[in-house]
PDB file of N, CA and C in Angstrom:
ATOM      1  N   MET A   1      90.035  31.787  78.546  1.00  0.00           N
ATOM      2  CA  MET A   1      90.191  33.117  79.104  1.00  0.00           C
ATOM      3  C   MET A   1      89.523  33.160  80.476  1.00  0.00           C
ATOM      4  N   SER A   2      90.189  33.758  81.423  1.00  0.00           N
ATOM      5  CA  SER A   2      89.694  33.817  82.786  1.00  0.00           C
ATOM      6  C   SER A   2      88.737  34.984  82.970  1.00  0.00           C
ATOM      7  N   HIS A   3      87.735  34.732  83.792  1.00  0.00           N
ATOM      8  CA  HIS A   3      86.790  35.785  84.116  1.00  0.00           C
ATOM      9  C   HIS A   3      86.430  35.650  85.589  1.00  0.00           C
ATOM     10  N   ILE A   4      86.855  36.619  86.389  1.00  0.00           N
ATOM     11  CA  ILE A   4      86.529  36.629  87.813  1.00  0.00           C
ATOM     12  C   ILE A   4      85.235  37.414  87.998  1.00  0.00           C
ATOM     13  N   SER A   5      84.238  36.778  88.590  1.00  0.00           N
ATOM     14  CA  SER A   5      82.958  37.432  88.858  1.00  0.00           C
ATOM     15  C   SER A   5      82.897  37.875  90.303  1.00  0.00           C
ATOM     16  N   THR A   6      82.197  38.964  90.534  1.00  0.00           N
ATOM     17  CA  THR A   6      81.915  39.441  91.880  1.00  0.00           C
ATOM     18  C   THR A   6      80.408  39.444  92.064  1.00  0.00           C
ATOM     19  N   ASN A   7      79.945  38.765  93.097  1.00  0.00           N
ATOM     20  CA  ASN A   7      78.517  38.684  93.384  1.00  0.00           C
ATOM     21  C   ASN A   7      78.254  39.227  94.779  1.00  0.00           C
ATOM     22  N   LYS A   8      77.494  40.310  94.848  1.00  0.00           N
ATOM     23  CA  LYS A   8      77.135  40.881  96.143  1.00  0.00           C
ATOM     24  C   LYS A   8      76.027  40.056  96.769  1.00  0.00           C
ATOM     25  N   THR A   9      75.981  40.050  98.079  1.00  0.00           N
ATOM     26  CA  THR A   9      74.931  39.351  98.810  1.00  0.00           C
ATOM     27  C   THR A   9      74.038  40.385  99.491  1.00  0.00           C
ATOM     28  N   THR A  10      73.002  39.906 100.146  1.00  0.00           N
ATOM     29  CA  THR A  10      72.121  40.796 100.897  1.00  0.00           C
ATOM     30  C   THR A  10      72.653  41.071 102.298  1.00  0.00           C
ATOM     31  N   ILE A  11      73.764  40.449 102.661  1.00  0.00           N
ATOM     32  CA  ILE A  11      74.362  40.678 103.982  1.00  0.00           C
ATOM     33  C   ILE A  11      75.197  41.946 103.901  1.00  0.00           C
ATOM     34  N   THR A  12      74.737  42.984 104.599  1.00  0.00           N
ATOM     35  CA  THR A  12      75.414  44.282 104.520  1.00  0.00           C
ATOM     36  C   THR A  12      76.364  44.532 105.682  1.00  0.00           C
ATOM     37  N   GLN A  13      76.138  43.885 106.799  1.00  0.00           N
ATOM     38  CA  GLN A  13      77.018  44.039 107.953  1.00  0.00           C
ATOM     39  C   GLN A  13      77.529  42.656 108.337  1.00  0.00           C
ATOM     40  N   VAL A  14      78.802  42.431 108.132  1.00  0.00           N
ATOM     41  CA  VAL A  14      79.380  41.111 108.366  1.00  0.00           C
ATOM     42  C   VAL A  14      79.999  41.058 109.761  1.00  0.00           C
ATOM     43  N   HIS A  15      79.617  40.043 110.514  1.00  0.00           N
ATOM     44  CA  HIS A  15      80.247  39.782 111.805  1.00  0.00           C
ATOM     45  C   HIS A  15      81.343  38.753 111.540  1.00  0.00           C
ATOM     46  N   GLU A  16      82.584  39.176 111.636  1.00  0.00           N
ATOM     47  CA  GLU A  16      83.707  38.327 111.240  1.00  0.00           C
ATOM     48  C   GLU A  16      83.770  37.026 112.027  1.00  0.00           C
ATOM     49  N   GLY A  17      83.502  37.069 113.324  1.00  0.00           N
ATOM     50  CA  GLY A  17      83.530  35.859 114.138  1.00  0.00           C
ATOM     51  C   GLY A  17      82.467  34.860 113.716  1.00  0.00           C
ATOM     52  N   LEU A  18      81.295  35.361 113.374  1.00  0.00           N
ATOM     53  CA  LEU A  18      80.207  34.499 112.919  1.00  0.00           C
ATOM     54  C   LEU A  18      80.529  33.888 111.555  1.00  0.00           C
ATOM     55  N   LEU A  19      81.156  34.674 110.697  1.00  0.00           N
ATOM     56  CA  LEU A  19      81.553  34.150 109.386  1.00  0.00           C
ATOM     57  C   LEU A  19      82.621  33.072 109.545  1.00  0.00           C
ATOM     58  N   GLN A  20      83.557  33.293 110.451  1.00  0.00           N
ATOM     59  CA  GLN A  20      84.596  32.294 110.715  1.00  0.00           C
ATOM     60  C   GLN A  20      83.968  31.010 111.261  1.00  0.00           C
ATOM     61  N   GLU A  21      82.990  31.150 112.161  1.00  0.00           N
ATOM     62  CA  GLU A  21      82.296  29.983 112.711  1.00  0.00           C
ATOM     63  C   GLU A  21      81.549  29.227 111.602  1.00  0.00           C
ATOM     64  N   THR A  22      80.957  29.968 110.681  1.00  0.00           N
ATOM     65  CA  THR A  22      80.261  29.365 109.546  1.00  0.00           C
ATOM     66  C   THR A  22      81.212  28.516 108.715  1.00  0.00           C
ATOM     67  N   VAL A  23      82.362  29.081 108.398  1.00  0.00           N
ATOM     68  CA  VAL A  23      83.351  28.372 107.583  1.00  0.00           C
ATOM     69  C   VAL A  23      83.860  27.129 108.321  1.00  0.00           C
ATOM     70  N   GLU A  24      84.094  27.251 109.613  1.00  0.00           N
ATOM     71  CA  GLU A  24      84.566  26.104 110.396  1.00  0.00           C
ATOM     72  C   GLU A  24      83.521  24.988 110.419  1.00  0.00           C
ATOM     73  N   LEU A  25      82.239  25.353 110.560  1.00  0.00           N
ATOM     74  CA  LEU A  25      81.178  24.344 110.538  1.00  0.00           C
ATOM     75  C   LEU A  25      81.125  23.615 109.197  1.00  0.00           C
ATOM     76  N   LEU A  26      81.235  24.376 108.125  1.00  0.00           N
ATOM     77  CA  LEU A  26      81.218  23.754 106.801  1.00  0.00           C
ATOM     78  C   LEU A  26      82.410  22.835 106.611  1.00  0.00           C
ATOM     79  N   ALA A  27      83.574  23.254 107.086  1.00  0.00           N
ATOM     80  CA  ALA A  27      84.776  22.429 106.953  1.00  0.00           C
ATOM     81  C   ALA A  27      84.643  21.127 107.742  1.00  0.00           C
ATOM     82  N   GLN A  28      83.967  21.178 108.885  1.00  0.00           N
ATOM     83  CA  GLN A  28      83.732  19.958 109.672  1.00  0.00           C
ATOM     84  C   GLN A  28      82.715  19.053 108.996  1.00  0.00           C
ATOM     85  N   ALA A  29      81.703  19.656 108.372  1.00  0.00           N
ATOM     86  CA  ALA A  29      80.602  18.890 107.798  1.00  0.00           C
ATOM     87  C   ALA A  29      80.949  18.226 106.467  1.00  0.00           C
ATOM     88  N   GLU A  30      81.874  18.831 105.727  1.00  0.00           N
ATOM     89  CA  GLU A  30      82.200  18.308 104.404  1.00  0.00           C
ATOM     90  C   GLU A  30      83.688  17.993 104.304  1.00  0.00           C
ATOM     91  N   PRO A  31      84.017  16.722 104.141  1.00  0.00           N
ATOM     92  CA  PRO A  31      85.426  16.344 104.007  1.00  0.00           C
ATOM     93  C   PRO A  31      86.061  16.996 102.776  1.00  0.00           C
ATOM     94  N   GLY A  32      87.298  17.384 102.915  1.00  0.00           N
ATOM     95  CA  GLY A  32      88.039  17.922 101.782  1.00  0.00           C
ATOM     96  C   GLY A  32      87.967  19.424 101.617  1.00  0.00           C
ATOM     97  N   ILE A  33      87.231  20.127 102.479  1.00  0.00           N
ATOM     98  CA  ILE A  33      87.179  21.589 102.375  1.00  0.00           C
ATOM     99  C   ILE A  33      88.483  22.169 102.896  1.00  0.00           C
ATOM    100  N   LYS A  34      89.042  23.086 102.105  1.00  0.00           N
ATOM    101  CA  LYS A  34      90.248  23.812 102.516  1.00  0.00           C
ATOM    102  C   LYS A  34      89.914  25.297 102.568  1.00  0.00           C
ATOM    103  N   VAL A  35      90.587  26.013 103.457  1.00  0.00           N
ATOM    104  CA  VAL A  35      90.384  27.453 103.601  1.00  0.00           C
ATOM    105  C   VAL A  35      91.709  28.156 103.314  1.00  0.00           C
ATOM    106  N   GLU A  36      91.653  29.170 102.475  1.00  0.00           N
ATOM    107  CA  GLU A  36      92.841  29.936 102.072  1.00  0.00           C
ATOM    108  C   GLU A  36      92.519  31.426 102.115  1.00  0.00           C
ATOM    109  N   VAL A  37      93.467  32.258 101.702  1.00  0.00           N
ATOM    110  CA  VAL A  37      93.239  33.705 101.593  1.00  0.00           C
ATOM    111  C   VAL A  37      93.341  34.161 100.139  1.00  0.00           C
ATOM    112  N   HIS A  38      93.151  33.223  99.233  1.00  0.00           N
ATOM    113  CA  HIS A  38      93.093  33.580  97.816  1.00  0.00           C
ATOM    114  C   HIS A  38      92.280  32.514  97.087  1.00  0.00           C
ATOM    115  N   THR A  39      91.660  32.924  96.014  1.00  0.00           N
ATOM    116  CA  THR A  39      90.994  32.001  95.122  1.00  0.00           C
ATOM    117  C   THR A  39      91.862  31.915  93.871  1.00  0.00           C
ATOM    118  N   LYS A  40      91.465  31.136  92.898  1.00  0.00           N
ATOM    119  CA  LYS A  40      92.267  30.993  91.672  1.00  0.00           C
ATOM    120  C   LYS A  40      91.437  31.413  90.466  1.00  0.00           C
ATOM    121  N   ASP A  41      92.108  31.957  89.467  1.00  0.00           N
ATOM    122  CA  ASP A  41      91.423  32.240  88.212  1.00  0.00           C
ATOM    123  C   ASP A  41      91.530  31.013  87.315  1.00  0.00           C
ATOM    124  N   TYR A  42      91.014  31.105  86.104  1.00  0.00           N
ATOM    125  CA  TYR A  42      90.993  29.955  85.197  1.00  0.00           C
ATOM    126  C   TYR A  42      92.397  29.413  84.919  1.00  0.00           C
ATOM    127  N   GLY A  43      93.390  30.313  84.886  1.00  0.00           N
ATOM    128  CA  GLY A  43      94.776  29.905  84.672  1.00  0.00           C
ATOM    129  C   GLY A  43      95.477  29.454  85.946  1.00  0.00           C
ATOM    130  N   MET A  44      94.682  29.290  87.043  1.00  0.00           N
ATOM    131  CA  MET A  44      95.180  28.848  88.356  1.00  0.00           C
ATOM    132  C   MET A  44      96.147  29.858  88.993  1.00  0.00           C
ATOM    133  N   ARG A  45      96.014  31.129  88.630  1.00  0.00           N
ATOM    134  CA  ARG A  45      96.773  32.194  89.281  1.00  0.00           C
ATOM    135  C   ARG A  45      95.991  32.679  90.499  1.00  0.00           C
ATOM    136  N   ASN A  46      96.706  33.041  91.566  1.00  0.00           N
ATOM    137  CA  ASN A  46      96.068  33.499  92.798  1.00  0.00           C
ATOM    138  C   ASN A  46      95.345  34.827  92.589  1.00  0.00           C
ATOM    139  N   VAL A  47      94.167  34.924  93.179  1.00  0.00           N
ATOM    140  CA  VAL A  47      93.396  36.167  93.235  1.00  0.00           C
ATOM    141  C   VAL A  47      93.121  36.410  94.714  1.00  0.00           C
ATOM    142  N   ASN A  48      93.678  37.477  95.268  1.00  0.00           N
ATOM    143  CA  ASN A  48      93.540  37.746  96.697  1.00  0.00           C
ATOM    144  C   ASN A  48      92.100  38.035  97.092  1.00  0.00           C
ATOM    145  N   CYS A  49      91.761  37.592  98.289  1.00  0.00           N
ATOM    146  CA  CYS A  49      90.451  37.859  98.877  1.00  0.00           C
ATOM    147  C   CYS A  49      90.613  37.742 100.390  1.00  0.00           C
ATOM    148  N   ASP A  50      89.562  38.063 101.120  1.00  0.00           N
ATOM    149  CA  ASP A  50      89.648  37.988 102.580  1.00  0.00           C
ATOM    150  C   ASP A  50      89.667  36.538 103.068  1.00  0.00           C
ATOM    151  N   LEU A  51      88.965  35.671 102.355  1.00  0.00           N
ATOM    152  CA  LEU A  51      88.884  34.260 102.719  1.00  0.00           C
ATOM    153  C   LEU A  51      88.414  33.494 101.490  1.00  0.00           C
ATOM    154  N   ALA A  52      88.893  32.287 101.307  1.00  0.00           N
ATOM    155  CA  ALA A  52      88.458  31.460 100.176  1.00  0.00           C
ATOM    156  C   ALA A  52      88.212  30.040 100.657  1.00  0.00           C
ATOM    157  N   ILE A  53      87.234  29.402 100.029  1.00  0.00           N
ATOM    158  CA  ILE A  53      86.893  28.029 100.360  1.00  0.00           C
ATOM    159  C   ILE A  53      87.071  27.178  99.110  1.00  0.00           C
ATOM    160  N   TYR A  54      87.758  26.058  99.282  1.00  0.00           N
ATOM    161  CA  TYR A  54      87.962  25.090  98.199  1.00  0.00           C
ATOM    162  C   TYR A  54      87.294  23.787  98.598  1.00  0.00           C
ATOM    163  N   THR A  55      86.611  23.165  97.639  1.00  0.00           N
ATOM    164  CA  THR A  55      86.066  21.826  97.847  1.00  0.00           C
ATOM    165  C   THR A  55      86.706  20.923  96.790  1.00  0.00           C
ATOM    166  N   PRO A  56      86.602  19.616  96.957  1.00  0.00           N
ATOM    167  CA  PRO A  56      87.159  18.729  95.931  1.00  0.00           C
ATOM    168  C   PRO A  56      86.578  18.994  94.534  1.00  0.00           C
ATOM    169  N   ASN A  57      85.341  19.468  94.457  1.00  0.00           N
ATOM    170  CA  ASN A  57      84.705  19.754  93.173  1.00  0.00           C
ATOM    171  C   ASN A  57      84.812  21.219  92.757  1.00  0.00           C
ATOM    172  N   LEU A  58      85.538  22.007  93.531  1.00  0.00           N
ATOM    173  CA  LEU A  58      85.717  23.430  93.230  1.00  0.00           C
ATOM    174  C   LEU A  58      87.203  23.766  93.362  1.00  0.00           C
ATOM    175  N   PRO A  59      88.009  23.309  92.395  1.00  0.00           N
ATOM    176  CA  PRO A  59      89.466  23.433  92.520  1.00  0.00           C
ATOM    177  C   PRO A  59      89.987  24.872  92.476  1.00  0.00           C
ATOM    178  N   ARG A  60      89.207  25.807  91.924  1.00  0.00           N
ATOM    179  CA  ARG A  60      89.635  27.217  91.926  1.00  0.00           C
ATOM    180  C   ARG A  60      89.097  27.964  93.135  1.00  0.00           C
ATOM    181  N   GLY A  61      88.232  27.314  93.879  1.00  0.00           N
ATOM    182  CA  GLY A  61      87.710  27.903  95.100  1.00  0.00           C
ATOM    183  C   GLY A  61      86.692  29.002  94.843  1.00  0.00           C
ATOM    184  N   ILE A  62      86.165  29.501  95.944  1.00  0.00           N
ATOM    185  CA  ILE A  62      85.257  30.650  95.912  1.00  0.00           C
ATOM    186  C   ILE A  62      85.718  31.601  96.998  1.00  0.00           C
ATOM    187  N   GLY A  63      85.924  32.850  96.626  1.00  0.00           N
ATOM    188  CA  GLY A  63      86.441  33.843  97.559  1.00  0.00           C
ATOM    189  C   GLY A  63      85.334  34.626  98.232  1.00  0.00           C
ATOM    190  N   LEU A  64      85.627  35.106  99.412  1.00  0.00           N
ATOM    191  CA  LEU A  64      84.719  35.977 100.153  1.00  0.00           C
ATOM    192  C   LEU A  64      85.460  37.262 100.476  1.00  0.00           C
ATOM    193  N   ASN A  65      84.822  38.378 100.218  1.00  0.00           N
ATOM    194  CA  ASN A  65      85.358  39.677 100.601  1.00  0.00           C
ATOM    195  C   ASN A  65      84.328  40.398 101.446  1.00  0.00           C
ATOM    196  N   TRP A  66      84.778  40.999 102.530  1.00  0.00           N
ATOM    197  CA  TRP A  66      83.891  41.821 103.349  1.00  0.00           C
ATOM    198  C   TRP A  66      84.648  42.985 103.968  1.00  0.00           C
ATOM    199  N   LYS A  67      85.930  42.854 104.144  1.00  0.00           N
ATOM    200  CA  LYS A  67      86.722  43.942 104.715  1.00  0.00           C
ATOM    201  C   LYS A  67      86.796  45.065 103.681  1.00  0.00           C
ATOM    202  N   ASN A  68      86.603  46.277 104.125  1.00  0.00           N
ATOM    203  CA  ASN A  68      86.627  47.447 103.235  1.00  0.00           C
ATOM    204  C   ASN A  68      85.575  47.359 102.141  1.00  0.00           C
ATOM    205  N   LYS A  69      84.487  46.667 102.394  1.00  0.00           N
ATOM    206  CA  LYS A  69      83.402  46.517 101.427  1.00  0.00           C
ATOM    207  C   LYS A  69      82.101  46.940 102.100  1.00  0.00           C
ATOM    208  N   GLU A  70      81.078  47.082 101.300  1.00  0.00           N
ATOM    209  CA  GLU A  70      79.751  47.391 101.828  1.00  0.00           C
ATOM    210  C   GLU A  70      78.936  46.113 101.945  1.00  0.00           C
ATOM    211  N   GLY A  71      79.452  45.142 102.633  1.00  0.00           N
ATOM    212  CA  GLY A  71      78.778  43.871 102.808  1.00  0.00           C
ATOM    213  C   GLY A  71      79.615  42.710 102.304  1.00  0.00           C
ATOM    214  N   LEU A  72      78.995  41.554 102.296  1.00  0.00           N
ATOM    215  CA  LEU A  72      79.672  40.329 101.888  1.00  0.00           C
ATOM    216  C   LEU A  72      79.566  40.141 100.383  1.00  0.00           C
ATOM    217  N   GLU A  73      80.691  39.831  99.758  1.00  0.00           N
ATOM    218  CA  GLU A  73      80.741  39.560  98.319  1.00  0.00           C
ATOM    219  C   GLU A  73      81.426  38.220  98.080  1.00  0.00           C
ATOM    220  N   PHE A  74      80.959  37.509  97.073  1.00  0.00           N
ATOM    221  CA  PHE A  74      81.633  36.303  96.602  1.00  0.00           C
ATOM    222  C   PHE A  74      82.411  36.681  95.344  1.00  0.00           C
ATOM    223  N   ILE A  75      83.635  36.174  95.235  1.00  0.00           N
ATOM    224  CA  ILE A  75      84.410  36.396  94.020  1.00  0.00           C
ATOM    225  C   ILE A  75      84.988  35.066  93.556  1.00  0.00           C
ATOM    226  N   GLY A  76      85.134  34.930  92.266  1.00  0.00           N
ATOM    227  CA  GLY A  76      85.756  33.719  91.760  1.00  0.00           C
ATOM    228  C   GLY A  76      85.384  33.429  90.322  1.00  0.00           C
ATOM    229  N   ASP A  77      85.956  32.345  89.838  1.00  0.00           N
ATOM    230  CA  ASP A  77      85.711  31.876  88.484  1.00  0.00           C
ATOM    231  C   ASP A  77      85.119  30.474  88.597  1.00  0.00           C
ATOM    232  N   GLY A  78      83.802  30.390  88.481  1.00  0.00           N
ATOM    233  CA  GLY A  78      83.126  29.110  88.643  1.00  0.00           C
ATOM    234  C   GLY A  78      82.976  28.318  87.356  1.00  0.00           C
ATOM    235  N   TYR A  79      83.644  28.754  86.277  1.00  0.00           N
ATOM    236  CA  TYR A  79      83.487  28.096  84.989  1.00  0.00           C
ATOM    237  C   TYR A  79      83.814  26.602  85.095  1.00  0.00           C
ATOM    238  N   GLY A  80      82.914  25.784  84.613  1.00  0.00           N
ATOM    239  CA  GLY A  80      83.111  24.335  84.640  1.00  0.00           C
ATOM    240  C   GLY A  80      82.665  23.690  85.932  1.00  0.00           C
ATOM    241  N   ALA A  81      82.385  24.480  86.945  1.00  0.00           N
ATOM    242  CA  ALA A  81      81.927  23.954  88.237  1.00  0.00           C
ATOM    243  C   ALA A  81      80.780  24.821  88.757  1.00  0.00           C
ATOM    244  N   GLU A  82      79.911  25.247  87.839  1.00  0.00           N
ATOM    245  CA  GLU A  82      78.862  26.210  88.178  1.00  0.00           C
ATOM    246  C   GLU A  82      77.937  25.709  89.287  1.00  0.00           C
ATOM    247  N   ARG A  83      77.545  24.444  89.216  1.00  0.00           N
ATOM    248  CA  ARG A  83      76.640  23.904  90.250  1.00  0.00           C
ATOM    249  C   ARG A  83      77.286  23.908  91.619  1.00  0.00           C
ATOM    250  N   GLU A  84      78.537  23.484  91.689  1.00  0.00           N
ATOM    251  CA  GLU A  84      79.250  23.460  92.972  1.00  0.00           C
ATOM    252  C   GLU A  84      79.476  24.877  93.483  1.00  0.00           C
ATOM    253  N   TYR A  85      79.807  25.783  92.588  1.00  0.00           N
ATOM    254  CA  TYR A  85      80.026  27.186  92.951  1.00  0.00           C
ATOM    255  C   TYR A  85      78.755  27.767  93.575  1.00  0.00           C
ATOM    256  N   GLU A  86      77.623  27.509  92.951  1.00  0.00           N
ATOM    257  CA  GLU A  86      76.343  28.006  93.450  1.00  0.00           C
ATOM    258  C   GLU A  86      75.960  27.305  94.755  1.00  0.00           C
ATOM    259  N   ARG A  87      76.214  26.005  94.838  1.00  0.00           N
ATOM    260  CA  ARG A  87      75.894  25.245  96.054  1.00  0.00           C
ATOM    261  C   ARG A  87      76.652  25.782  97.256  1.00  0.00           C
ATOM    262  N   VAL A  88      77.944  26.047  97.077  1.00  0.00           N
ATOM    263  CA  VAL A  88      78.769  26.549  98.176  1.00  0.00           C
ATOM    264  C   VAL A  88      78.309  27.950  98.591  1.00  0.00           C
ATOM    265  N   GLN A  89      77.976  28.794  97.620  1.00  0.00           N
ATOM    266  CA  GLN A  89      77.456  30.127  97.953  1.00  0.00           C
ATOM    267  C   GLN A  89      76.202  30.017  98.812  1.00  0.00           C
ATOM    268  N   LYS A  90      75.247  29.213  98.362  1.00  0.00           N
ATOM    269  CA  LYS A  90      73.989  29.057  99.098  1.00  0.00           C
ATOM    270  C   LYS A  90      74.223  28.481 100.484  1.00  0.00           C
ATOM    271  N   LEU A  91      75.080  27.469 100.563  1.00  0.00           N
ATOM    272  CA  LEU A  91      75.368  26.837 101.845  1.00  0.00           C
ATOM    273  C   LEU A  91      75.994  27.819 102.833  1.00  0.00           C
ATOM    274  N   LEU A  92      76.912  28.633 102.349  1.00  0.00           N
ATOM    275  CA  LEU A  92      77.527  29.648 103.211  1.00  0.00           C
ATOM    276  C   LEU A  92      76.492  30.652 103.708  1.00  0.00           C
ATOM    277  N   LEU A  93      75.663  31.153 102.814  1.00  0.00           N
ATOM    278  CA  LEU A  93      74.662  32.144 103.202  1.00  0.00           C
ATOM    279  C   LEU A  93      73.646  31.575 104.185  1.00  0.00           C
ATOM    280  N   ILE A  94      73.132  30.386 103.893  1.00  0.00           N
ATOM    281  CA  ILE A  94      72.123  29.776 104.767  1.00  0.00           C
ATOM    282  C   ILE A  94      72.705  29.492 106.148  1.00  0.00           C
ATOM    283  N   THR A  95      73.909  28.961 106.196  1.00  0.00           N
ATOM    284  CA  THR A  95      74.536  28.632 107.476  1.00  0.00           C
ATOM    285  C   THR A  95      74.831  29.895 108.279  1.00  0.00           C
ATOM    286  N   TYR A  96      75.353  30.918 107.617  1.00  0.00           N
ATOM    287  CA  TYR A  96      75.639  32.194 108.290  1.00  0.00           C
ATOM    288  C   TYR A  96      74.350  32.785 108.880  1.00  0.00           C
ATOM    289  N   GLN A  97      73.289  32.809 108.102  1.00  0.00           N
ATOM    290  CA  GLN A  97      72.031  33.387 108.568  1.00  0.00           C
ATOM    291  C   GLN A  97      71.417  32.559 109.697  1.00  0.00           C
ATOM    292  N   ALA A  98      71.511  31.236 109.600  1.00  0.00           N
ATOM    293  CA  ALA A  98      70.976  30.374 110.660  1.00  0.00           C
ATOM    294  C   ALA A  98      71.736  30.581 111.974  1.00  0.00           C
ATOM    295  N   LEU A  99      73.043  30.690 111.890  1.00  0.00           N
ATOM    296  CA  LEU A  99      73.833  30.945 113.101  1.00  0.00           C
ATOM    297  C   LEU A  99      73.503  32.305 113.701  1.00  0.00           C
ATOM    298  N   ALA A 100      73.281  33.306 112.852  1.00  0.00           N
ATOM    299  CA  ALA A 100      72.931  34.650 113.335  1.00  0.00           C
ATOM    300  C   ALA A 100      71.598  34.621 114.083  1.00  0.00           C
ATOM    301  N   VAL A 101      70.612  33.932 113.526  1.00  0.00           N
ATOM    302  CA  VAL A 101      69.309  33.821 114.184  1.00  0.00           C
ATOM    303  C   VAL A 101      69.446  33.085 115.511  1.00  0.00           C
ATOM    304  N   GLN A 102      70.227  32.013 115.499  1.00  0.00           N
ATOM    305  CA  GLN A 102      70.431  31.242 116.720  1.00  0.00           C
ATOM    306  C   GLN A 102      71.072  32.105 117.812  1.00  0.00           C
ATOM    307  N   LYS A 103      72.067  32.903 117.455  1.00  0.00           N
ATOM    308  CA  LYS A 103      72.735  33.775 118.440  1.00  0.00           C
ATOM    309  C   LYS A 103      71.750  34.801 118.998  1.00  0.00           C
ATOM    310  N   CYS A 104      70.929  35.386 118.128  1.00  0.00           N
ATOM    311  CA  CYS A 104      69.950  36.386 118.571  1.00  0.00           C
ATOM    312  C   CYS A 104      68.939  35.779 119.531  1.00  0.00           C
ATOM    313  N   LEU A 105      68.415  34.604 119.195  1.00  0.00           N
ATOM    314  CA  LEU A 105      67.433  33.951 120.062  1.00  0.00           C
ATOM    315  C   LEU A 105      68.047  33.585 121.409  1.00  0.00           C
ATOM    316  N   THR A 106      69.295  33.165 121.405  1.00  0.00           N
ATOM    317  CA  THR A 106      69.981  32.848 122.662  1.00  0.00           C
ATOM    318  C   THR A 106      70.092  34.104 123.531  1.00  0.00           C
ATOM    319  N   LEU A 107      70.424  35.230 122.918  1.00  0.00           N
ATOM    320  CA  LEU A 107      70.508  36.489 123.659  1.00  0.00           C
ATOM    321  C   LEU A 107      69.155  36.910 124.228  1.00  0.00           C
ATOM    322  N   MET A 108      68.078  36.491 123.595  1.00  0.00           N
ATOM    323  CA  MET A 108      66.731  36.819 124.048  1.00  0.00           C
ATOM    324  C   MET A 108      66.209  35.840 125.097  1.00  0.00           C
ATOM    325  N   GLY A 109      67.041  34.885 125.496  1.00  0.00           N
ATOM    326  CA  GLY A 109      66.673  33.964 126.561  1.00  0.00           C
ATOM    327  C   GLY A 109      66.120  32.626 126.103  1.00  0.00           C
ATOM    328  N   TYR A 110      66.197  32.334 124.824  1.00  0.00           N
ATOM    329  CA  TYR A 110      65.734  31.047 124.317  1.00  0.00           C
ATOM    330  C   TYR A 110      66.866  30.043 124.355  1.00  0.00           C
ATOM    331  N   SER A 111      66.503  28.780 124.512  1.00  0.00           N
ATOM    332  CA  SER A 111      67.499  27.723 124.375  1.00  0.00           C
ATOM    333  C   SER A 111      67.197  26.985 123.078  1.00  0.00           C
ATOM    334  N   MET A 112      68.212  26.401 122.499  1.00  0.00           N
ATOM    335  CA  MET A 112      68.071  25.738 121.208  1.00  0.00           C
ATOM    336  C   MET A 112      68.124  24.226 121.381  1.00  0.00           C
ATOM    337  N   GLU A 113      67.250  23.542 120.676  1.00  0.00           N
ATOM    338  CA  GLU A 113      67.268  22.088 120.626  1.00  0.00           C
ATOM    339  C   GLU A 113      67.368  21.701 119.153  1.00  0.00           C
ATOM    340  N   THR A 114      68.410  20.959 118.809  1.00  0.00           N
ATOM    341  CA  THR A 114      68.657  20.600 117.415  1.00  0.00           C
ATOM    342  C   THR A 114      68.360  19.123 117.201  1.00  0.00           C
ATOM    343  N   GLN A 115      67.656  18.839 116.098  1.00  0.00           N
ATOM    344  CA  GLN A 115      67.376  17.462 115.706  1.00  0.00           C
ATOM    345  C   GLN A 115      67.777  17.306 114.247  1.00  0.00           C
ATOM    346  N   GLN A 116      68.305  16.138 113.909  1.00  0.00           N
ATOM    347  CA  GLN A 116      68.662  15.866 112.522  1.00  0.00           C
ATOM    348  C   GLN A 116      67.998  14.546 112.115  1.00  0.00           C
ATOM    349  N   PRO A 117      66.730  14.637 111.643  1.00  0.00           N
ATOM    350  CA  PRO A 117      66.014  13.409 111.281  1.00  0.00           C
ATOM    351  C   PRO A 117      66.609  12.671 110.087  1.00  0.00           C
ATOM    352  N   ASN A 118      67.306  13.383 109.215  1.00  0.00           N
ATOM    353  CA  ASN A 118      68.027  12.739 108.113  1.00  0.00           C
ATOM    354  C   ASN A 118      69.200  13.625 107.730  1.00  0.00           C
ATOM    355  N   PRO A 119      70.146  13.130 106.944  1.00  0.00           N
ATOM    356  CA  PRO A 119      71.356  13.898 106.636  1.00  0.00           C
ATOM    357  C   PRO A 119      71.111  15.216 105.900  1.00  0.00           C
ATOM    358  N   ASN A 120      69.953  15.368 105.256  1.00  0.00           N
ATOM    359  CA  ASN A 120      69.680  16.582 104.491  1.00  0.00           C
ATOM    360  C   ASN A 120      68.829  17.590 105.236  1.00  0.00           C
ATOM    361  N   LEU A 121      68.481  17.320 106.489  1.00  0.00           N
ATOM    362  CA  LEU A 121      67.596  18.208 107.222  1.00  0.00           C
ATOM    363  C   LEU A 121      68.071  18.372 108.651  1.00  0.00           C
ATOM    364  N   VAL A 122      68.152  19.605 109.090  1.00  0.00           N
ATOM    365  CA  VAL A 122      68.431  19.913 110.488  1.00  0.00           C
ATOM    366  C   VAL A 122      67.285  20.789 110.974  1.00  0.00           C
ATOM    367  N   ARG A 123      66.666  20.375 112.047  1.00  0.00           N
ATOM    368  CA  ARG A 123      65.556  21.151 112.612  1.00  0.00           C
ATOM    369  C   ARG A 123      66.003  21.716 113.951  1.00  0.00           C
ATOM    370  N   VAL A 124      65.807  23.003 114.127  1.00  0.00           N
ATOM    371  CA  VAL A 124      66.184  23.667 115.370  1.00  0.00           C
ATOM    372  C   VAL A 124      64.924  24.239 115.993  1.00  0.00           C
ATOM    373  N   GLU A 125      64.659  23.885 117.256  1.00  0.00           N
ATOM    374  CA  GLU A 125      63.521  24.431 117.981  1.00  0.00           C
ATOM    375  C   GLU A 125      64.044  25.417 119.004  1.00  0.00           C
ATOM    376  N   ALA A 126      63.356  26.567 119.082  1.00  0.00           N
ATOM    377  CA  ALA A 126      63.704  27.562 120.080  1.00  0.00           C
ATOM    378  C   ALA A 126      62.732  27.408 121.255  1.00  0.00           C
ATOM    379  N   LEU A 127      63.267  27.153 122.422  1.00  0.00           N
ATOM    380  CA  LEU A 127      62.467  26.945 123.616  1.00  0.00           C
ATOM    381  C   LEU A 127      62.684  28.118 124.560  1.00  0.00           C
ATOM    382  N   HIS A 128      61.584  28.769 124.955  1.00  0.00           N
ATOM    383  CA  HIS A 128      61.725  29.914 125.865  1.00  0.00           C
ATOM    384  C   HIS A 128      61.999  29.420 127.258  1.00  0.00           C
ATOM    385  N   ALA A 129      62.953  30.054 127.906  1.00  0.00           N
ATOM    386  CA  ALA A 129      63.370  29.621 129.243  1.00  0.00           C
ATOM    387  C   ALA A 129      62.346  29.993 130.298  1.00  0.00           C
TER     388      ALA A 129
END
């Protein structure tokens, strides 16, 4: 039996361009990511959403809704892929928030220097101009 869950986030005001940039970065960083406008339920039927992300380990995808909503919501059926479902949610939120901070600091006159000492860590330094 299919069960579509809706999970609200703490992001109440979504900047669509920043969210699109987040999704594009994730798609570049992880091979096999696909972007659609629907997720799937357990029976593989389409469930409409504003944007959906599929990974090789998340065949039903995870949907994002923000249009006509009070913030960003994740929707989908993560049954059988709970770890991947949670990983993708966290990755999207962390990347979106990091990009937002980076944009704000740039507007305040800081320049960014990025270092990646290993594949699991990215360090960003803000340097005042």
